[in-house]
Structures are given as C-alpha cells and as structure tokens.
C-alpha cells in the first residue's frame, strides 16, 4: 500500500508538470502567432 501511494503522488506530479508545460507552450505559440500577424500586417 505504501508503494502504491508513492506512485500515485509521482503520477500526480507528472500530470501537473505536463499540464504546466502544455499551458506555457500554448501561451508561447499564441504570442508568436500574434507577433507573426503584426509582422504580416504592419
């Protein structure tokens, strides 16, 4: 049971990290798209 709990916490941390990476990458993508749009328009 102790090992199971440890792996569950590890999984939770992995999910949090992956979610954070996805969010930050999507923000960077949107910012770069906005910059590209400004370059094309302006």
Protein backbone atom coordinates (compact mmCIF):
# COMPACT_ATOMS: atom_id res chain seq x y z
CA UNK A 1 0.00 0.00 0.00
CA UNK A 2 2.85 2.39 0.84
CA UNK A 3 4.46 1.94 -2.59
CA UNK A 4 1.09 2.43 -4.31
CA UNK A 5 0.58 5.76 -2.56
CA UNK A 6 4.08 6.90 -3.55
CA UNK A 7 3.47 6.04 -7.22
CA UNK A 8 0.12 7.87 -7.09
CA UNK A 9 1.83 11.04 -5.81
CA UNK A 10 4.51 10.63 -8.52
CA UNK A 11 1.81 10.32 -11.20
CA UNK A 12 0.06 13.43 -9.85
CA UNK A 13 3.34 15.42 -10.01
CA UNK A 14 3.94 14.20 -13.59
CA UNK A 15 0.42 15.27 -14.63
CA UNK A 16 0.93 18.72 -13.05
CA UNK A 17 4.29 19.19 -14.80
CA UNK A 18 2.91 18.08 -18.19
CA UNK A 19 -0.11 20.38 -17.80
CA UNK A 20 2.19 23.31 -16.94
CA UNK A 21 4.41 22.58 -19.97
CA UNK A 22 1.35 22.37 -22.26
CA UNK A 23 -0.05 25.66 -20.92
CA UNK A 24 3.27 27.52 -21.22
CA UNK A 25 3.89 26.17 -24.74
CA UNK A 26 0.40 27.19 -25.87
CA UNK A 27 0.96 30.70 -24.46
CA UNK A 28 4.30 30.94 -26.31
CA UNK A 29 2.64 29.66 -29.51
CA UNK A 30 -0.16 32.26 -29.30
CA UNK A 31 2.36 35.04 -28.60
CA UNK A 32 4.49 34.03 -31.60
CA UNK A 33 1.35 33.86 -33.80
CA UNK A 34 0.41 37.40 -32.65
CA UNK A 35 3.95 38.63 -33.43
CA UNK A 36 3.79 36.96 -36.86
CA UNK A 37 0.43 38.61 -37.51
CA UNK A 38 1.85 42.02 -36.58
CA UNK A 39 4.80 41.44 -38.93
CA UNK A 40 2.48 40.48 -41.81
CA UNK A 41 0.00 43.34 -41.19
CA UNK A 42 2.50 46.04 -40.18
